Amino acid sequence: MNFNKVILSLGLLLLVLNIQAQISRDDLQLNTITTAVPFLQIAPDARAGAMGDIGVATPADAASIHWNAAKYLTLKPQMGLSVSYAPWLRALVNDINLAYLSGYYKLDDANVLAASLRYFSLGSITFTDEMGESRGDYKPHEFAIDAAWARKLSEKFSMGITARYIYSNLTLGQHVAGQESQAGQSIAADISFFYYKDLNIEGVENAQLNLGGTISNMGNKISYTETTVRDFIPTTLRIGPTLVLDIDEHNSFTFGVDFSKLLVPTPPVWKLNDSTNNYELDPEGRRMIERGMDPNVSVVTGMIQSFYDAPGGLGEELREVNFGVGAEYWYDKQFAIRAGYFHEHHTKGDRKYVTMGAGLKYNVFGLDFAYLVTIRQRNPLENTLRFTLTFDFDALKSDLKN
């Protein structure tokens, strides 16, 4: 395989993605999909955050449980740990942040166990009653605890399953709209796969094509009150390829693309009365749908329905697919530079941003940084520096032995 052809193919792919992103805005209606506990969608580690929020098929690291637990089987060290920190809305406040702890342990060449803790602090908030009187200062927070098992099914194919407990306490028991609130809780699971194939490319010492896929956050709906109103959590399908090129013993490149889609119902277009401009109601008092499908369905039905329920038809379904592209360069396996781009259609949230970062690795420790620059919609992570600290316990054992 010719190296120039590979680079040309990647360039053509990015060109096609960019052309499709330039769909005319005039005839498109804003119809953003929202879910509960959106903190589960934040890229927790700086390496992926610097590469356009991609990670489903990139080379594995200690934080892979978030992106694709099946990747862990490709790691050589028996054990690893990473700690990440990301400020949130730093331009406005200084006490909101996301902290992430993850690690893995290889039982043998075919089995890996992994775990993580994600903690999102919303800082200190003063609650008031209807009269504006203070009811005290509180610190709302959310967290998720993960446990994963990955299994090698063949020499180059592995699968993983992750169990997740989600806890979201945003109001700390305060009364909201006359009702007592409560912490939202959910149990969810991820299913993932990872496959790689060695390539023979002229002028490249080693080349590898990775393919990865996950369905994450498959779990029950969440509610913050005793009512029957419950919200979907962000069940997400993510797939993508990654090309890894080891040019020689000192220089290596990684190029990846991730495609992602929320597997939750798309809000329909509700029917309005032409004279009163109020919602039309059926005999049972429910709002009538003009276009689209009823979003009040079960989790499984919602996942299936999400592929064909958009009011705008196939065109809108395609606009619900986000993509991120990223690149990474390593010199001598000790210094890395990274860059990426993330795209979300303007009718579905309009998140578009460029990312960049660097990484350093010295024996036992590794340190990664990420920085985000927005293109259109303001982002809570813009103009902030995220970092991840990694530990290689095999290298530590070797140092202690020596």
Foldseek 3Di string as FASTA:
>chain_A
DAPVVVVVVVVVVVVVVVVLLPPDPPPDAFFADDFPPCVLVDLFAFVCQQFFNDQQWPQDDQPNVSRFPQNVLPDDFQKKKKKWKAAFLVVVDGFWIKIKIKMKGHPDSFKIKIKMKIKTKPGKDWDADPVRHTPDIDIWIKMKIKIKMKGDPDPFKIKMKMKMKIWGGDPVQDQDPNFTWAIKIKIFMKIKMKGKDWDDYPQFPTKMKMKMKMFTGLIFFIGGGPDPDTTGHFGKIKIWMKMWTHNDLFKIKIKIKMKMAGLAATDAAWDADPVPRHFDADPVGDTHGPFFDDRPDGSVVSSVSLQAGYRVGPSVSVLRIKMKIKMKMGGNNAKMKMKMWIAHRPSHPGWTKIKIWMKGDDQFKIKIKMAIDTDDDDGRRHPIIMMMMMGRVVSVVVVVVD
